[in-house]
Amino acid sequence: MNLQQARQVAKETVKALFKDDYGNPYEMTTWQCDIFNTILTRKYPRTQIIAPRQSGKSDSISMALIIRSLTFKEKWAIVAGQKDKAMIIMNRVIQHTFDNEMFYKQLELDSGMALDRLRRERSKDHVTWRDGGSVQVFTADTRNKNRTKEALTGFGSPNIIEDESSLIPDDSHGMILSMLGGHPDNFLLKIGNPFYRNHFMKSWNNSKYKKIFVDYNDVLAEGRYTLDYIEEMREQPFFDVLYECKFPTSDEITPDGFRKL
């Protein structure tokens, strides 16, 4: 398919299978379709996405994860610097699993975990399918390097989504990459906002990575933001990072790697 055909198929597939927060068929935007297809086709082994906050990227990732992991019986890992960050996508995975009977009937539950309880609490850090495949959350604890090593050592996955990637330090990112070892056919998706000039910026300038860039203008044009909201957020800190999606200039970063407030 060409790009427009692929987007249309993604849009129709999601609309038929998933629902939004109000119970209506989910209508994906153009760039959400691109994120969805990146995971669903797994075409580019290294992919990086920069997109604004609250723009729907977690929804498109979670819906693609459900279909891909279930259909191809694959292991997928979501890794972030803190568990609550990693659980954002996992919560959406659990939520959208209950959008369709053919998904939640494939859930393999722990003993004592009822479907209704999982639907209400959405607190599990892993989802496993009866016929194979799974989605699991890992934490690269950015506050404690030793705990990061303990958390990630011994675990492996051929497919990793590094959420809020820019907030993960370089050495922790190296530990996450080691999870791909032993899997010649592997896939890494880095997603987030460009807070720091670290590994996130280095890979953004790496020609081996497929890039998807979205800023507030794209989201505004698709109707997910209002102009009033953007003007309100323009007065808040980090508008350039969170909505314009710009990396900080070199003079904004201290020698220790911190960003000046």
Protein backbone atom coordinates (compact mmCIF):
# COMPACT_ATOMS: atom_id res chain seq x y z
CA MET A 1 0.00 0.00 0.00
CA ASN A 2 0.99 3.61 -0.38
CA LEU A 3 0.94 5.91 2.65
CA GLN A 4 -2.62 7.16 2.13
CA GLN A 5 -3.99 3.64 1.71
CA ALA A 6 -2.19 2.44 4.82
CA ARG A 7 -3.62 5.32 6.84
CA GLN A 8 -7.13 4.61 5.60
CA VAL A 9 -6.90 0.91 6.48
CA ALA A 10 -5.61 1.78 9.96
CA LYS A 11 -8.40 4.32 10.48
CA GLU A 12 -11.11 1.85 9.41
CA THR A 13 -9.64 -1.02 11.43
CA VAL A 14 -9.48 1.01 14.64
CA LYS A 15 -12.94 2.46 14.11
CA ALA A 16 -14.38 -1.05 13.75
CA LEU A 17 -12.61 -2.56 16.77
CA PHE A 18 -12.04 0.14 19.40
CA LYS A 19 -13.92 2.83 21.29
CA ASP A 20 -12.99 6.25 22.65
CA ASP A 21 -13.51 7.40 26.26
CA TYR A 22 -17.17 8.17 25.51
CA GLY A 23 -18.00 4.74 24.06
CA ASN A 24 -18.01 5.91 20.44
CA PRO A 25 -16.04 4.22 17.62
CA TYR A 26 -12.47 5.51 17.87
CA GLU A 27 -11.61 8.06 15.16
CA MET A 28 -7.85 8.28 14.66
CA THR A 29 -6.10 11.33 13.28
CA THR A 30 -3.70 11.11 10.35
CA TRP A 31 -0.56 11.05 12.43
CA GLN A 32 -2.12 8.59 14.90
CA CYS A 33 -2.52 6.25 11.94
CA ASP A 34 1.22 6.59 11.23
CA ILE A 35 2.10 5.65 14.84
CA PHE A 36 -0.37 2.76 14.76
CA ASN A 37 1.09 1.39 11.52
CA THR A 38 4.66 1.75 12.82
CA ILE A 39 3.90 -0.84 15.50
CA LEU A 40 1.45 -2.94 13.53
CA THR A 41 3.77 -3.48 10.55
CA ARG A 42 6.99 -3.36 12.60
CA LYS A 43 8.60 -2.26 9.36
CA TYR A 44 11.37 -0.07 10.78
CA PRO A 45 13.55 -1.74 13.48
CA ARG A 46 14.43 1.66 14.99
CA THR A 47 11.74 4.31 15.21
CA GLN A 48 11.45 7.55 17.17
CA ILE A 49 8.36 9.67 17.75
CA ILE A 50 8.20 13.22 19.07
CA ALA A 51 4.66 14.40 19.76
CA PRO A 52 2.90 16.83 22.14
CA ARG A 53 1.31 15.94 25.45
CA GLN A 54 -2.30 14.75 25.58
CA SER A 55 -2.46 14.34 21.83
CA GLY A 56 -3.56 10.71 21.67
CA LYS A 57 -0.24 8.90 21.14
CA SER A 58 -0.85 6.51 24.05
CA ASP A 59 -4.15 5.42 22.52
CA SER A 60 -2.68 4.70 19.08
CA ILE A 61 0.26 2.81 20.63
CA SER A 62 -1.93 0.71 22.94
CA MET A 63 -4.40 -0.29 20.23
CA ALA A 64 -1.58 -1.31 17.89
CA LEU A 65 0.07 -3.28 20.73
CA ILE A 66 -3.09 -5.28 21.33
CA ILE A 67 -3.47 -6.32 17.70
CA ARG A 68 0.23 -6.91 17.03
CA SER A 69 1.05 -8.91 20.18
CA LEU A 70 -2.12 -10.99 19.92
CA THR A 71 -1.94 -11.68 16.18
CA PHE A 72 1.78 -12.44 15.96
CA LYS A 73 2.06 -13.97 19.47
CA GLU A 74 4.95 -11.63 20.32
CA LYS A 75 6.42 -10.36 23.58
CA TRP A 76 6.38 -6.56 23.93
CA ALA A 77 7.91 -4.51 26.74
CA ILE A 78 6.99 -0.96 27.78
CA VAL A 79 9.87 0.70 29.65
CA ALA A 80 9.90 4.11 31.33
CA GLY A 81 11.94 5.87 33.99
CA GLN A 82 9.18 5.50 36.58
CA LYS A 83 6.41 2.92 36.85
CA ASP A 84 3.57 5.44 36.80
CA LYS A 85 4.86 6.71 33.43
CA ALA A 86 5.10 3.20 31.98
CA MET A 87 1.61 2.37 33.26
CA ILE A 88 0.04 5.15 31.17
CA ILE A 89 0.24 3.02 28.02
CA MET A 90 -0.50 -0.21 29.92
CA ASN A 91 -3.67 1.30 31.37
CA ARG A 92 -4.76 2.11 27.84
CA VAL A 93 -3.91 -1.43 26.70
CA ILE A 94 -6.20 -2.82 29.40
CA GLN A 95 -8.92 -0.26 28.68
CA HIS A 96 -8.97 -0.96 24.93
CA THR A 97 -8.82 -4.72 25.46
CA PHE A 98 -12.35 -4.42 26.86
CA ASP A 99 -13.54 -2.53 23.78
CA ASN A 100 -14.05 -5.81 21.95
CA GLU A 101 -15.07 -9.29 23.05
CA MET A 102 -12.56 -11.05 20.81
CA PHE A 103 -9.74 -9.30 22.72
CA TYR A 104 -10.80 -9.79 26.33
CA LYS A 105 -11.75 -13.42 25.70
CA GLN A 106 -8.09 -14.01 24.84
CA LEU A 107 -6.86 -12.72 28.21
CA GLU A 108 -4.99 -15.18 30.39
CA LEU A 109 -5.71 -14.09 33.94
CA ASP A 110 -3.96 -14.90 37.20
CA SER A 111 -5.94 -17.05 39.61
CA GLY A 112 -8.25 -14.85 41.63
CA MET A 113 -8.24 -12.00 39.08
CA ALA A 114 -11.74 -11.51 37.70
CA LEU A 115 -12.35 -9.81 34.37
CA ASP A 116 -14.55 -7.17 35.95
CA ARG A 117 -11.90 -6.33 38.54
CA LEU A 118 -9.25 -5.93 35.83
CA ARG A 119 -11.60 -3.69 33.85
CA ARG A 120 -12.21 -1.46 36.90
CA GLU A 121 -8.73 -1.26 38.41
CA ARG A 122 -6.45 -1.52 35.35
CA SER A 123 -3.55 -2.10 37.73
CA LYS A 124 -1.81 -5.11 36.18
CA ASP A 125 1.71 -4.52 34.87
CA HIS A 126 1.42 -7.27 32.28
CA VAL A 127 -1.15 -8.71 29.88
CA THR A 128 -0.79 -12.24 28.51
CA TRP A 129 -2.85 -13.78 25.71
CA ARG A 130 -4.09 -17.37 25.88
CA ASP A 131 -2.68 -18.32 22.47
CA GLY A 132 0.66 -16.58 23.02
CA GLY A 133 2.02 -13.04 23.14
CA SER A 134 2.19 -10.51 25.95
CA VAL A 135 2.66 -6.86 26.91
CA GLN A 136 4.64 -6.11 30.07
CA VAL A 137 5.79 -3.01 31.95
CA PHE A 138 9.35 -2.52 33.19
CA THR A 139 10.79 0.39 35.16
CA ALA A 140 14.25 1.83 34.59
CA ASP A 141 14.30 3.56 37.98
CA THR A 142 15.91 6.91 37.15
CA ARG A 143 16.43 7.66 40.85
CA ASN A 144 18.55 4.59 41.58
CA LYS A 145 21.00 3.11 39.09
CA ASN A 146 21.49 -0.10 41.07
CA ARG A 147 17.74 -0.68 41.14
CA THR A 148 17.65 -0.13 37.37
CA LYS A 149 20.19 -2.91 36.87
CA GLU A 150 18.26 -5.20 39.21
CA ALA A 151 14.97 -4.43 37.49
CA LEU A 152 16.19 -5.02 33.94
CA THR A 153 18.91 -7.66 34.32
CA GLY A 154 17.69 -11.06 33.26
CA PHE A 155 14.71 -9.81 31.31
CA GLY A 156 14.66 -9.75 27.54
CA SER A 157 12.22 -8.79 24.86
CA PRO A 158 12.50 -8.57 21.06
CA ASN A 159 10.18 -5.53 21.05
CA ILE A 160 10.60 -2.50 23.31
CA ILE A 161 8.67 0.75 23.61
CA GLU A 162 10.70 3.31 25.56
CA ASP A 163 8.13 5.79 26.86
CA GLU A 164 9.14 9.32 27.95
CA SER A 165 12.48 8.32 26.48
CA SER A 166 14.17 11.69 26.89
CA LEU A 167 13.71 11.49 30.66
CA ILE A 168 15.69 8.24 30.83
CA PRO A 169 19.43 8.85 31.44
CA ASP A 170 21.98 7.56 28.96
CA ASP A 171 23.28 4.74 31.18
CA SER A 172 19.76 3.48 31.91
CA HIS A 173 18.99 3.64 28.21
CA GLY A 174 22.01 1.38 27.63
CA MET A 175 20.54 -1.15 30.06
CA ILE A 176 17.24 -1.05 28.17
CA LEU A 177 19.00 -1.71 24.87
CA SER A 178 20.63 -4.77 26.44
CA MET A 179 17.14 -6.29 26.76
CA LEU A 180 17.14 -6.66 22.97
CA GLY A 181 20.24 -8.85 23.10
CA GLY A 182 19.73 -12.42 21.96
CA HIS A 183 16.98 -11.38 19.56
CA PRO A 184 18.47 -10.82 16.07
CA ASP A 185 15.08 -9.61 14.82
CA ASN A 186 14.38 -6.80 17.29
CA PHE A 187 12.41 -3.56 17.39
CA LEU A 188 12.85 -0.36 19.43
CA LEU A 189 10.39 2.54 19.55
CA LYS A 190 11.45 5.67 21.43
CA ILE A 191 8.72 8.16 22.17
CA GLY A 192 8.50 11.35 24.19
CA ASN A 193 9.16 15.06 24.37
CA PRO A 194 12.66 16.48 23.75
CA PHE A 195 13.57 17.62 27.27
CA TYR A 196 17.32 16.89 27.07
CA ARG A 197 20.18 16.76 24.58
CA ASN A 198 20.97 13.15 25.51
CA HIS A 199 20.56 9.79 23.75
CA PHE A 200 17.10 10.95 22.64
CA MET A 201 18.63 13.77 20.60
CA LYS A 202 21.46 11.54 19.34
CA SER A 203 19.06 8.96 17.92
CA TRP A 204 16.86 11.72 16.47
CA ASN A 205 19.87 12.75 14.38
CA ASN A 206 20.69 9.13 13.49
CA SER A 207 19.76 8.14 9.94
CA LYS A 208 19.04 4.57 11.07
CA TYR A 209 15.91 5.76 12.87
CA LYS A 210 12.56 6.26 11.19
CA LYS A 211 11.14 9.52 12.58
CA ILE A 212 7.61 10.73 13.16
CA PHE A 213 7.35 14.38 14.21
CA VAL A 214 4.17 16.07 15.41
CA ASP A 215 3.81 19.49 17.04
CA TYR A 216 0.84 21.42 18.38
CA ASN A 217 0.01 22.81 14.91
CA ASP A 218 -0.63 19.28 13.60
CA VAL A 219 -2.80 18.39 16.60
CA LEU A 220 -4.65 21.70 16.36
CA ALA A 221 -5.39 21.09 12.68
CA GLU A 222 -6.81 17.63 13.48
CA GLY A 223 -9.14 19.12 16.11
CA ARG A 224 -7.72 17.48 19.24
CA TYR A 225 -6.66 20.88 20.67
CA THR A 226 -8.47 24.20 20.67
CA LEU A 227 -6.76 27.52 20.00
CA ASP A 228 -7.81 28.76 23.44
CA TYR A 229 -6.09 25.80 25.08
CA ILE A 230 -2.86 26.42 23.15
CA GLU A 231 -2.84 30.11 24.08
CA GLU A 232 -3.37 29.18 27.72
CA MET A 233 -0.51 26.64 27.68
CA ARG A 234 1.79 29.07 25.87
CA GLU A 235 2.14 30.95 29.17
CA GLN A 236 3.21 27.81 31.04
CA PRO A 237 6.76 26.45 31.52
CA PHE A 238 8.21 24.13 28.86
CA PHE A 239 5.72 25.08 26.15
CA ASP A 240 8.58 24.80 23.65
CA VAL A 241 9.27 21.19 24.68
CA LEU A 242 5.75 19.95 25.39
CA TYR A 243 3.91 21.54 22.47
CA GLU A 244 6.38 22.99 19.96
CA CYS A 245 8.46 19.83 20.50
CA LYS A 246 11.83 21.58 20.25
CA PHE A 247 15.07 20.34 21.77
CA PRO A 248 16.68 22.83 24.17
CA THR A 249 19.60 24.80 22.82
CA SER A 250 23.07 23.95 24.09
CA ASP A 251 23.25 27.08 26.29
CA GLU A 252 20.09 25.98 28.16
CA ILE A 253 21.83 22.86 29.49
CA THR A 254 24.22 22.98 32.46
CA PRO A 255 27.54 21.05 32.43
CA ASP A 256 25.86 18.40 34.60
CA GLY A 257 23.22 17.83 31.94
CA PHE A 258 20.37 19.61 33.71
CA ARG A 259 18.14 22.13 32.01
CA LYS A 260 18.02 25.65 33.42
CA LEU A 261 14.62 26.73 34.66
